């Protein structure tokens, strides 16, 4: 019986050892992937915000010019 028990324990022991050795590699790869994803998301967010802010800045500049023109007309 103990031989059968030892034989069934070996695959589990081997699996546990493999997990123990592979876990740092898996953690490292996972960390790198998360970092790349975070960087890509940040880049997309920055690009989107930049595009939207430039539209707002142009609109504000247009409004500023229009207000100045109206003020000049009222002053004369």
N, C-alpha and C. Protein backbone atom coordinates (compact mmCIF):
# COMPACT_ATOMS: atom_id res chain seq x y z
N UNK A 1 0.80 -1.19 0.00
CA UNK A 1 0.00 0.00 0.00
C UNK A 1 0.85 1.26 0.00
N UNK A 2 1.93 1.25 0.71
CA UNK A 2 2.74 2.44 0.78
C UNK A 2 3.37 2.77 -0.57
N UNK A 3 3.66 1.69 -1.40
CA UNK A 3 4.20 1.94 -2.73
C UNK A 3 3.18 2.66 -3.60
N UNK A 4 1.93 2.24 -3.52
CA UNK A 4 0.87 2.88 -4.29
C UNK A 4 0.68 4.32 -3.81
N UNK A 5 0.80 4.49 -2.54
CA UNK A 5 0.64 5.83 -1.97
C UNK A 5 1.79 6.74 -2.42
N UNK A 6 3.01 6.22 -2.40
CA UNK A 6 4.18 6.99 -2.84
C UNK A 6 4.06 7.35 -4.32
N UNK A 7 3.56 6.44 -5.11
CA UNK A 7 3.41 6.70 -6.55
C UNK A 7 2.38 7.79 -6.79
N UNK A 8 1.33 7.82 -6.00
CA UNK A 8 0.31 8.86 -6.19
C UNK A 8 0.77 10.19 -5.64
N UNK A 9 1.65 10.19 -4.65
CA UNK A 9 2.17 11.44 -4.09
C UNK A 9 3.20 12.09 -5.01
N UNK A 10 3.92 11.32 -5.80
CA UNK A 10 4.97 11.87 -6.65
C UNK A 10 4.45 12.86 -7.69
N UNK A 11 3.36 12.56 -8.39
CA UNK A 11 2.88 13.57 -9.36
C UNK A 11 2.47 14.88 -8.69
N UNK A 12 1.84 14.78 -7.52
CA UNK A 12 1.45 15.99 -6.80
C UNK A 12 2.68 16.76 -6.33
N UNK A 13 3.67 16.00 -5.83
CA UNK A 13 4.90 16.63 -5.37
C UNK A 13 5.62 17.30 -6.54
N UNK A 14 5.67 16.62 -7.66
CA UNK A 14 6.30 17.18 -8.86
C UNK A 14 5.55 18.42 -9.32
N UNK A 15 4.23 18.35 -9.31
CA UNK A 15 3.42 19.50 -9.70
C UNK A 15 3.66 20.69 -8.77
N UNK A 16 3.73 20.41 -7.47
CA UNK A 16 3.99 21.48 -6.51
C UNK A 16 5.37 22.10 -6.71
N UNK A 17 6.35 21.26 -6.97
CA UNK A 17 7.70 21.78 -7.22
C UNK A 17 7.74 22.62 -8.50
N UNK A 18 7.06 22.14 -9.52
CA UNK A 18 7.01 22.90 -10.77
C UNK A 18 6.35 24.25 -10.56
N UNK A 19 5.26 24.27 -9.83
CA UNK A 19 4.59 25.54 -9.51
C UNK A 19 5.51 26.46 -8.73
N UNK A 20 6.26 25.88 -7.78
CA UNK A 20 7.17 26.66 -6.96
C UNK A 20 8.26 27.30 -7.82
N UNK A 21 8.80 26.56 -8.77
CA UNK A 21 9.85 27.10 -9.63
C UNK A 21 9.29 28.07 -10.67
N UNK A 22 8.12 27.82 -11.16
CA UNK A 22 7.55 28.63 -12.24
C UNK A 22 6.88 29.90 -11.73
N UNK A 23 6.48 29.93 -10.48
CA UNK A 23 5.72 31.07 -9.96
C UNK A 23 6.46 32.40 -10.11
N UNK A 24 7.75 32.49 -9.78
CA UNK A 24 8.45 33.77 -9.97
C UNK A 24 8.44 34.22 -11.44
N UNK A 25 8.59 33.28 -12.36
CA UNK A 25 8.56 33.61 -13.78
C UNK A 25 7.17 34.11 -14.19
N UNK A 26 6.16 33.43 -13.73
CA UNK A 26 4.78 33.83 -14.03
C UNK A 26 4.50 35.21 -13.46
N UNK A 27 4.93 35.44 -12.23
CA UNK A 27 4.73 36.75 -11.60
C UNK A 27 5.45 37.86 -12.37
N UNK A 28 6.66 37.56 -12.82
CA UNK A 28 7.43 38.54 -13.57
C UNK A 28 6.76 38.88 -14.91
N UNK A 29 6.34 37.86 -15.63
CA UNK A 29 5.67 38.07 -16.91
C UNK A 29 4.36 38.83 -16.69
N UNK A 30 3.62 38.45 -15.67
CA UNK A 30 2.36 39.13 -15.35
C UNK A 30 2.60 40.60 -15.05
N UNK A 31 3.64 40.88 -14.28
CA UNK A 31 3.97 42.27 -13.95
C UNK A 31 4.33 43.07 -15.20
N UNK A 32 5.11 42.49 -16.08
CA UNK A 32 5.49 43.18 -17.32
C UNK A 32 4.29 43.44 -18.21
N UNK A 33 3.42 42.47 -18.32
CA UNK A 33 2.22 42.63 -19.15
C UNK A 33 1.33 43.73 -18.57
N UNK A 34 1.14 43.72 -17.27
CA UNK A 34 0.33 44.76 -16.63
C UNK A 34 0.92 46.15 -16.87
N UNK A 35 2.24 46.25 -16.78
CA UNK A 35 2.91 47.53 -17.00
C UNK A 35 2.70 48.01 -18.43
N UNK A 36 2.84 47.09 -19.40
CA UNK A 36 2.64 47.47 -20.80
C UNK A 36 1.21 47.91 -21.04
N UNK A 37 0.27 47.19 -20.47
CA UNK A 37 -1.15 47.55 -20.64
C UNK A 37 -1.40 48.92 -20.02
N UNK A 38 -0.87 49.14 -18.81
CA UNK A 38 -1.05 50.44 -18.16
C UNK A 38 -0.47 51.57 -19.00
N UNK A 39 0.72 51.35 -19.57
CA UNK A 39 1.35 52.37 -20.40
C UNK A 39 0.52 52.65 -21.65
N UNK A 40 0.00 51.61 -22.27
CA UNK A 40 -0.81 51.82 -23.48
C UNK A 40 -2.11 52.54 -23.16
N UNK A 41 -2.72 52.18 -22.05
CA UNK A 41 -3.96 52.85 -21.65
C UNK A 41 -3.67 54.31 -21.35
N UNK A 42 -2.57 54.57 -20.64
CA UNK A 42 -2.20 55.96 -20.33
C UNK A 42 -1.96 56.75 -21.62
N UNK A 43 -1.28 56.14 -22.59
CA UNK A 43 -1.03 56.82 -23.86
C UNK A 43 -2.33 57.16 -24.57
N UNK A 44 -3.25 56.22 -24.59
CA UNK A 44 -4.54 56.46 -25.26
C UNK A 44 -5.33 57.55 -24.54
N UNK A 45 -5.33 57.50 -23.22
CA UNK A 45 -6.05 58.52 -22.45
C UNK A 45 -5.43 59.89 -22.70
N UNK A 46 -4.09 59.95 -22.67
CA UNK A 46 -3.42 61.23 -22.93
C UNK A 46 -3.74 61.76 -24.32
N UNK A 47 -3.74 60.89 -25.32
CA UNK A 47 -4.04 61.32 -26.69
C UNK A 47 -5.47 61.81 -26.80
N UNK A 48 -6.39 61.10 -26.18
CA UNK A 48 -7.80 61.50 -26.23
C UNK A 48 -8.01 62.84 -25.52
N UNK A 49 -7.42 62.98 -24.34
CA UNK A 49 -7.56 64.24 -23.61
C UNK A 49 -6.92 65.39 -24.37
N UNK A 50 -5.78 65.15 -24.96
CA UNK A 50 -5.10 66.18 -25.73
C UNK A 50 -5.95 66.64 -26.90
N UNK A 51 -6.54 65.70 -27.61
CA UNK A 51 -7.39 66.05 -28.75
C UNK A 51 -8.61 66.84 -28.30
N UNK A 52 -9.23 66.42 -27.24
CA UNK A 52 -10.42 67.12 -26.76
C UNK A 52 -10.08 68.49 -26.19
N UNK A 53 -8.95 68.59 -25.49
CA UNK A 53 -8.55 69.88 -24.95
C UNK A 53 -8.20 70.86 -26.06
N UNK A 54 -7.60 70.38 -27.13
CA UNK A 54 -7.26 71.29 -28.23
C UNK A 54 -8.52 71.84 -28.88
N UNK A 55 -9.56 71.03 -28.97
CA UNK A 55 -10.84 71.50 -29.51
C UNK A 55 -11.42 72.58 -28.59
N UNK A 56 -11.36 72.33 -27.29
CA UNK A 56 -11.87 73.32 -26.33
C UNK A 56 -11.06 74.61 -26.37
N UNK A 57 -9.74 74.47 -26.49
CA UNK A 57 -8.90 75.67 -26.56
C UNK A 57 -9.22 76.50 -27.80
N UNK A 58 -9.44 75.84 -28.94
CA UNK A 58 -9.81 76.57 -30.15
C UNK A 58 -11.16 77.27 -29.97
N UNK A 59 -12.10 76.58 -29.36
CA UNK A 59 -13.43 77.17 -29.14
C UNK A 59 -13.33 78.38 -28.22
N UNK A 60 -12.52 78.28 -27.18
CA UNK A 60 -12.35 79.41 -26.27
C UNK A 60 -11.69 80.58 -26.98
N UNK A 61 -10.69 80.29 -27.81
CA UNK A 61 -10.03 81.36 -28.57
C UNK A 61 -11.01 82.03 -29.52
N UNK A 62 -11.87 81.23 -30.18
CA UNK A 62 -12.89 81.79 -31.07
C UNK A 62 -13.86 82.68 -30.30
N UNK A 63 -14.31 82.22 -29.15
CA UNK A 63 -15.22 83.01 -28.32
C UNK A 63 -14.55 84.29 -27.85
N UNK A 64 -13.28 84.20 -27.48
CA UNK A 64 -12.55 85.38 -27.03
C UNK A 64 -12.47 86.42 -28.13
N UNK A 65 -12.18 85.98 -29.35
CA UNK A 65 -12.13 86.92 -30.48
C UNK A 65 -13.49 87.53 -30.74
N UNK A 66 -14.54 86.73 -30.67
CA UNK A 66 -15.88 87.24 -30.91
C UNK A 66 -16.27 88.27 -29.85
N UNK A 67 -15.93 88.01 -28.60
CA UNK A 67 -16.24 88.95 -27.52
C UNK A 67 -15.48 90.25 -27.73
N UNK A 68 -14.21 90.14 -28.10
CA UNK A 68 -13.42 91.36 -28.35
C UNK A 68 -14.00 92.17 -29.50
N UNK A 69 -14.43 91.49 -30.56
CA UNK A 69 -15.05 92.19 -31.70
C UNK A 69 -16.32 92.90 -31.26
N UNK A 70 -17.14 92.23 -30.47
CA UNK A 70 -18.37 92.85 -29.97
C UNK A 70 -18.07 94.05 -29.07
N UNK A 71 -17.07 93.91 -28.25
CA UNK A 71 -16.70 95.03 -27.37
C UNK A 71 -16.22 96.22 -28.20
N UNK A 72 -15.46 95.95 -29.25
CA UNK A 72 -14.99 97.03 -30.11
C UNK A 72 -16.15 97.72 -30.81
N UNK A 73 -17.13 96.94 -31.27
CA UNK A 73 -18.30 97.52 -31.94
C UNK A 73 -19.11 98.38 -30.98
N UNK A 74 -19.26 97.91 -29.75
CA UNK A 74 -20.02 98.67 -28.76
C UNK A 74 -19.29 99.93 -28.33
N UNK A 75 -17.98 99.88 -28.35
CA UNK A 75 -17.17 101.04 -27.93
C UNK A 75 -17.23 102.15 -28.96
N UNK A 76 -17.44 101.81 -30.22
CA UNK A 76 -17.43 102.85 -31.27
C UNK A 76 -18.79 103.40 -31.55
